[in-house]
Amino acid sequence: MLALPFEVRDIKRNKIYYNEWHKTWQGDIVPVIVFDNGKQVVDGFDIRAIKRALREVDNLPAAQ
């Protein structure tokens, strides 16, 4: 199993996090999942896009 470090940032409760999310990622959809310091960004919970981003970040072959 792949372990990924992550940080939860509650944009509803923290104005600084909200401003960063909106300014940096042009946030309109939550969640915004940022991989590899912004090399891959997925808006919303799109499982295919998340898997694709993980493959690209880890340079893994496509699943069969």
PDB file of N, CA and C in Angstrom:
ATOM      1  N   MET A   1       0.833  -1.174   0.000  1.00  0.00           N
ATOM      2  CA  MET A   1       0.000   0.000   0.000  1.00  0.00           C
ATOM      3  C   MET A   1       0.884   1.246   0.000  1.00  0.00           C
ATOM      4  N   LEU A   2       0.479   2.234  -0.744  1.00  0.00           N
ATOM      5  CA  LEU A   2       1.216   3.474  -0.867  1.00  0.00           C
ATOM      6  C   LEU A   2       0.781   4.435   0.239  1.00  0.00           C
ATOM      7  N   ALA A   3       1.733   4.933   1.012  1.00  0.00           N
ATOM      8  CA  ALA A   3       1.435   5.906   2.061  1.00  0.00           C
ATOM      9  C   ALA A   3       1.790   7.299   1.556  1.00  0.00           C
ATOM     10  N   LEU A   4       0.846   8.199   1.627  1.00  0.00           N
ATOM     11  CA  LEU A   4       1.065   9.564   1.161  1.00  0.00           C
ATOM     12  C   LEU A   4       0.962  10.534   2.326  1.00  0.00           C
ATOM     13  N   PRO A   5       1.959  11.391   2.478  1.00  0.00           N
ATOM     14  CA  PRO A   5       1.810  12.440   3.492  1.00  0.00           C
ATOM     15  C   PRO A   5       0.756  13.439   3.007  1.00  0.00           C
ATOM     16  N   PHE A   6      -0.009  13.983   3.932  1.00  0.00           N
ATOM     17  CA  PHE A   6      -1.020  14.951   3.539  1.00  0.00           C
ATOM     18  C   PHE A   6      -1.265  15.948   4.661  1.00  0.00           C
ATOM     19  N   GLU A   7      -1.887  17.034   4.288  1.00  0.00           N
ATOM     20  CA  GLU A   7      -2.244  18.070   5.247  1.00  0.00           C
ATOM     21  C   GLU A   7      -3.683  18.480   4.970  1.00  0.00           C
ATOM     22  N   VAL A   8      -4.492  18.493   6.007  1.00  0.00           N
ATOM     23  CA  VAL A   8      -5.875  18.926   5.880  1.00  0.00           C
ATOM     24  C   VAL A   8      -5.926  20.422   6.157  1.00  0.00           C
ATOM     25  N   ARG A   9      -6.551  21.159   5.254  1.00  0.00           N
ATOM     26  CA  ARG A   9      -6.700  22.604   5.426  1.00  0.00           C
ATOM     27  C   ARG A   9      -8.180  22.940   5.286  1.00  0.00           C
ATOM     28  N   ASP A  10      -8.801  23.273   6.399  1.00  0.00           N
ATOM     29  CA  ASP A  10     -10.228  23.562   6.429  1.00  0.00           C
ATOM     30  C   ASP A  10     -10.465  25.011   6.004  1.00  0.00           C
ATOM     31  N   ILE A  11     -10.874  25.191   4.756  1.00  0.00           N
ATOM     32  CA  ILE A  11     -11.046  26.541   4.219  1.00  0.00           C
ATOM     33  C   ILE A  11     -12.298  27.228   4.747  1.00  0.00           C
ATOM     34  N   LYS A  12     -13.190  26.479   5.366  1.00  0.00           N
ATOM     35  CA  LYS A  12     -14.368  27.083   5.970  1.00  0.00           C
ATOM     36  C   LYS A  12     -14.033  27.738   7.309  1.00  0.00           C
ATOM     37  N   ARG A  13     -13.057  27.202   7.994  1.00  0.00           N
ATOM     38  CA  ARG A  13     -12.729  27.680   9.337  1.00  0.00           C
ATOM     39  C   ARG A  13     -11.500  28.576   9.391  1.00  0.00           C
ATOM     40  N   ASN A  14     -10.690  28.572   8.341  1.00  0.00           N
ATOM     41  CA  ASN A  14      -9.443  29.318   8.377  1.00  0.00           C
ATOM     42  C   ASN A  14      -9.362  30.238   7.156  1.00  0.00           C
ATOM     43  N   LYS A  15      -9.456  31.522   7.393  1.00  0.00           N
ATOM     44  CA  LYS A  15      -9.466  32.508   6.301  1.00  0.00           C
ATOM     45  C   LYS A  15      -8.149  32.502   5.510  1.00  0.00           C
ATOM     46  N   ILE A  16      -7.040  32.269   6.199  1.00  0.00           N
ATOM     47  CA  ILE A  16      -5.747  32.199   5.504  1.00  0.00           C
ATOM     48  C   ILE A  16      -5.737  31.047   4.512  1.00  0.00           C
ATOM     49  N   TYR A  17      -6.213  29.882   4.942  1.00  0.00           N
ATOM     50  CA  TYR A  17      -6.275  28.723   4.040  1.00  0.00           C
ATOM     51  C   TYR A  17      -7.227  29.001   2.874  1.00  0.00           C
ATOM     52  N   TYR A  18      -8.353  29.640   3.178  1.00  0.00           N
ATOM     53  CA  TYR A  18      -9.305  29.973   2.112  1.00  0.00           C
ATOM     54  C   TYR A  18      -8.654  30.881   1.074  1.00  0.00           C
ATOM     55  N   ASN A  19      -8.001  31.933   1.534  1.00  0.00           N
ATOM     56  CA  ASN A  19      -7.361  32.870   0.603  1.00  0.00           C
ATOM     57  C   ASN A  19      -6.280  32.201  -0.230  1.00  0.00           C
ATOM     58  N   GLU A  20      -5.473  31.331   0.400  1.00  0.00           N
ATOM     59  CA  GLU A  20      -4.435  30.604  -0.343  1.00  0.00           C
ATOM     60  C   GLU A  20      -5.057  29.693  -1.388  1.00  0.00           C
ATOM     61  N   TRP A  21      -6.092  28.961  -0.997  1.00  0.00           N
ATOM     62  CA  TRP A  21      -6.783  28.045  -1.908  1.00  0.00           C
ATOM     63  C   TRP A  21      -7.339  28.804  -3.105  1.00  0.00           C
ATOM     64  N   HIS A  22      -7.995  29.910  -2.819  1.00  0.00           N
ATOM     65  CA  HIS A  22      -8.631  30.663  -3.890  1.00  0.00           C
ATOM     66  C   HIS A  22      -7.608  31.341  -4.804  1.00  0.00           C
ATOM     67  N   LYS A  23      -6.564  31.912  -4.218  1.00  0.00           N
ATOM     68  CA  LYS A  23      -5.550  32.623  -5.007  1.00  0.00           C
ATOM     69  C   LYS A  23      -4.633  31.660  -5.768  1.00  0.00           C
ATOM     70  N   THR A  24      -4.113  30.672  -5.076  1.00  0.00           N
ATOM     71  CA  THR A  24      -3.127  29.766  -5.679  1.00  0.00           C
ATOM     72  C   THR A  24      -3.743  28.795  -6.673  1.00  0.00           C
ATOM     73  N   TRP A  25      -4.874  28.201  -6.292  1.00  0.00           N
ATOM     74  CA  TRP A  25      -5.459  27.140  -7.112  1.00  0.00           C
ATOM     75  C   TRP A  25      -6.732  27.574  -7.821  1.00  0.00           C
ATOM     76  N   GLN A  26      -7.046  28.871  -7.772  1.00  0.00           N
ATOM     77  CA  GLN A  26      -8.273  29.387  -8.367  1.00  0.00           C
ATOM     78  C   GLN A  26      -9.460  28.519  -7.934  1.00  0.00           C
ATOM     79  N   GLY A  27      -9.460  28.204  -6.642  1.00  0.00           N
ATOM     80  CA  GLY A  27     -10.419  27.259  -6.086  1.00  0.00           C
ATOM     81  C   GLY A  27     -11.865  27.653  -6.259  1.00  0.00           C
ATOM     82  N   ASP A  28     -12.619  26.772  -6.858  1.00  0.00           N
ATOM     83  CA  ASP A  28     -14.064  26.885  -6.960  1.00  0.00           C
ATOM     84  C   ASP A  28     -14.726  25.586  -6.518  1.00  0.00           C
ATOM     85  N   ILE A  29     -13.954  24.524  -6.461  1.00  0.00           N
ATOM     86  CA  ILE A  29     -14.462  23.196  -6.142  1.00  0.00           C
ATOM     87  C   ILE A  29     -13.625  22.635  -4.995  1.00  0.00           C
ATOM     88  N   VAL A  30     -14.274  21.977  -4.059  1.00  0.00           N
ATOM     89  CA  VAL A  30     -13.542  21.252  -3.027  1.00  0.00           C
ATOM     90  C   VAL A  30     -13.907  19.783  -3.131  1.00  0.00           C
ATOM     91  N   PRO A  31     -13.005  18.882  -2.909  1.00  0.00           N
ATOM     92  CA  PRO A  31     -11.632  19.181  -2.542  1.00  0.00           C
ATOM     93  C   PRO A  31     -10.781  19.559  -3.747  1.00  0.00           C
ATOM     94  N   VAL A  32      -9.702  20.264  -3.472  1.00  0.00           N
ATOM     95  CA  VAL A  32      -8.624  20.470  -4.435  1.00  0.00           C
ATOM     96  C   VAL A  32      -7.477  19.637  -3.907  1.00  0.00           C
ATOM     97  N   ILE A  33      -7.071  18.642  -4.661  1.00  0.00           N
ATOM     98  CA  ILE A  33      -6.014  17.733  -4.233  1.00  0.00           C
ATOM     99  C   ILE A  33      -4.750  18.098  -5.002  1.00  0.00           C
ATOM    100  N   VAL A  34      -3.719  18.462  -4.262  1.00  0.00           N
ATOM    101  CA  VAL A  34      -2.462  18.921  -4.854  1.00  0.00           C
ATOM    102  C   VAL A  34      -1.407  17.854  -4.643  1.00  0.00           C
ATOM    103  N   PHE A  35      -0.815  17.392  -5.725  1.00  0.00           N
ATOM    104  CA  PHE A  35       0.227  16.367  -5.683  1.00  0.00           C
ATOM    105  C   PHE A  35       1.565  16.980  -6.064  1.00  0.00           C
ATOM    106  N   ASP A  36       2.605  16.524  -5.422  1.00  0.00           N
ATOM    107  CA  ASP A  36       3.979  16.869  -5.794  1.00  0.00           C
ATOM    108  C   ASP A  36       4.189  18.376  -5.906  1.00  0.00           C
ATOM    109  N   ASN A  37       3.785  19.090  -4.851  1.00  0.00           N
ATOM    110  CA  ASN A  37       3.964  20.545  -4.785  1.00  0.00           C
ATOM    111  C   ASN A  37       3.364  21.293  -5.973  1.00  0.00           C
ATOM    112  N   GLY A  38       2.239  20.814  -6.449  1.00  0.00           N
ATOM    113  CA  GLY A  38       1.523  21.521  -7.511  1.00  0.00           C
ATOM    114  C   GLY A  38       1.765  21.023  -8.911  1.00  0.00           C
ATOM    115  N   LYS A  39       2.576  19.994  -9.074  1.00  0.00           N
ATOM    116  CA  LYS A  39       2.805  19.464 -10.425  1.00  0.00           C
ATOM    117  C   LYS A  39       1.537  18.809 -10.978  1.00  0.00           C
ATOM    118  N   GLN A  40       0.724  18.267 -10.085  1.00  0.00           N
ATOM    119  CA  GLN A  40      -0.560  17.678 -10.457  1.00  0.00           C
ATOM    120  C   GLN A  40      -1.615  18.228  -9.506  1.00  0.00           C
ATOM    121  N   VAL A  41      -2.711  18.722 -10.041  1.00  0.00           N
ATOM    122  CA  VAL A  41      -3.808  19.250  -9.231  1.00  0.00           C
ATOM    123  C   VAL A  41      -5.101  18.638  -9.745  1.00  0.00           C
ATOM    124  N   VAL A  42      -5.914  18.118  -8.814  1.00  0.00           N
ATOM    125  CA  VAL A  42      -7.202  17.526  -9.163  1.00  0.00           C
ATOM    126  C   VAL A  42      -8.293  18.315  -8.445  1.00  0.00           C
ATOM    127  N   ASP A  43      -9.231  18.849  -9.206  1.00  0.00           N
ATOM    128  CA  ASP A  43     -10.387  19.538  -8.632  1.00  0.00           C
ATOM    129  C   ASP A  43     -11.506  18.528  -8.424  1.00  0.00           C
ATOM    130  N   GLY A  44     -12.053  18.525  -7.212  1.00  0.00           N
ATOM    131  CA  GLY A  44     -13.154  17.619  -6.920  1.00  0.00           C
ATOM    132  C   GLY A  44     -12.663  16.212  -6.660  1.00  0.00           C
ATOM    133  N   PHE A  45     -13.601  15.328  -6.353  1.00  0.00           N
ATOM    134  CA  PHE A  45     -13.246  13.944  -6.050  1.00  0.00           C
ATOM    135  C   PHE A  45     -13.481  13.091  -7.289  1.00  0.00           C
ATOM    136  N   ASP A  46     -12.539  13.189  -8.216  1.00  0.00           N
ATOM    137  CA  ASP A  46     -12.582  12.436  -9.468  1.00  0.00           C
ATOM    138  C   ASP A  46     -11.579  11.302  -9.342  1.00  0.00           C
ATOM    139  N   ILE A  47     -12.063  10.120  -9.021  1.00  0.00           N
ATOM    140  CA  ILE A  47     -11.176   8.993  -8.714  1.00  0.00           C
ATOM    141  C   ILE A  47     -10.251   8.657  -9.878  1.00  0.00           C
ATOM    142  N   ARG A  48     -10.731   8.759 -11.110  1.00  0.00           N
ATOM    143  CA  ARG A  48      -9.868   8.485 -12.273  1.00  0.00           C
ATOM    144  C   ARG A  48      -8.737   9.504 -12.360  1.00  0.00           C
ATOM    145  N   ALA A  49      -9.070  10.766 -12.156  1.00  0.00           N
ATOM    146  CA  ALA A  49      -8.046  11.814 -12.217  1.00  0.00           C
ATOM    147  C   ALA A  49      -7.042  11.667 -11.080  1.00  0.00           C
ATOM    148  N   ILE A  50      -7.526  11.256  -9.908  1.00  0.00           N
ATOM    149  CA  ILE A  50      -6.630  11.038  -8.768  1.00  0.00           C
ATOM    150  C   ILE A  50      -5.669   9.890  -9.076  1.00  0.00           C
ATOM    151  N   LYS A  51      -6.177   8.792  -9.590  1.00  0.00           N
ATOM    152  CA  LYS A  51      -5.317   7.657  -9.946  1.00  0.00           C
ATOM    153  C   LYS A  51      -4.313   8.040 -11.022  1.00  0.00           C
ATOM    154  N   ARG A  52      -4.770   8.807 -12.013  1.00  0.00           N
ATOM    155  CA  ARG A  52      -3.878   9.253 -13.089  1.00  0.00           C
ATOM    156  C   ARG A  52      -2.772  10.151 -12.519  1.00  0.00           C
ATOM    157  N   ALA A  53      -3.127  11.057 -11.632  1.00  0.00           N
ATOM    158  CA  ALA A  53      -2.130  11.947 -11.018  1.00  0.00           C
ATOM    159  C   ALA A  53      -1.131  11.156 -10.200  1.00  0.00           C
ATOM    160  N   LEU A  54      -1.605  10.163  -9.451  1.00  0.00           N
ATOM    161  CA  LEU A  54      -0.693   9.322  -8.662  1.00  0.00           C
ATOM    162  C   LEU A  54       0.276   8.568  -9.560  1.00  0.00           C
ATOM    163  N   ARG A  55      -0.225   8.041 -10.682  1.00  0.00           N
ATOM    164  CA  ARG A  55       0.657   7.342 -11.623  1.00  0.00           C
ATOM    165  C   ARG A  55       1.712   8.287 -12.175  1.00  0.00           C
ATOM    166  N   GLU A  56       1.303   9.480 -12.551  1.00  0.00           N
ATOM    167  CA  GLU A  56       2.248  10.441 -13.129  1.00  0.00           C
ATOM    168  C   GLU A  56       3.277  10.907 -12.102  1.00  0.00           C
ATOM    169  N   VAL A  57       2.836  11.148 -10.891  1.00  0.00           N
ATOM    170  CA  VAL A  57       3.753  11.594  -9.842  1.00  0.00           C
ATOM    171  C   VAL A  57       4.752  10.494  -9.502  1.00  0.00           C
ATOM    172  N   ASP A  58       4.260   9.269  -9.426  1.00  0.00           N
ATOM    173  CA  ASP A  58       5.123   8.144  -9.063  1.00  0.00           C
ATOM    174  C   ASP A  58       5.723   7.458 -10.279  1.00  0.00           C
ATOM    175  N   ASN A  59       5.350   7.933 -11.476  1.00  0.00           N
ATOM    176  CA  ASN A  59       5.845   7.352 -12.718  1.00  0.00           C
ATOM    177  C   ASN A  59       5.555   5.858 -12.770  1.00  0.00           C
ATOM    178  N   LEU A  60       4.320   5.511 -12.382  1.00  0.00           N
ATOM    179  CA  LEU A  60       3.896   4.105 -12.384  1.00  0.00           C
ATOM    180  C   LEU A  60       3.211   3.778 -13.704  1.00  0.00           C
ATOM    181  N   PRO A  61       3.250   2.518 -14.120  1.00  0.00           N
ATOM    182  CA  PRO A  61       2.552   2.133 -15.337  1.00  0.00           C
ATOM    183  C   PRO A  61       1.040   2.175 -15.116  1.00  0.00           C
ATOM    184  N   ALA A  62       0.287   2.349 -16.199  1.00  0.00           N
ATOM    185  CA  ALA A  62      -1.179   2.376 -16.111  1.00  0.00           C
ATOM    186  C   ALA A  62      -1.686   1.048 -15.608  1.00  0.00           C
ATOM    187  N   ALA A  63      -2.762   1.086 -14.828  1.00  0.00           N
ATOM    188  CA  ALA A  63      -3.387  -0.137 -14.298  1.00  0.00           C
ATOM    189  C   ALA A  63      -4.053  -0.903 -15.434  1.00  0.00           C
ATOM    190  N   GLN A  64      -4.052  -2.185 -15.322  1.00  0.00           N
ATOM    191  CA  GLN A  64      -4.680  -3.039 -16.330  1.00  0.00           C
ATOM    192  C   GLN A  64      -6.152  -3.190 -16.091  1.00  0.00           C
TER     193      GLN A  64
END
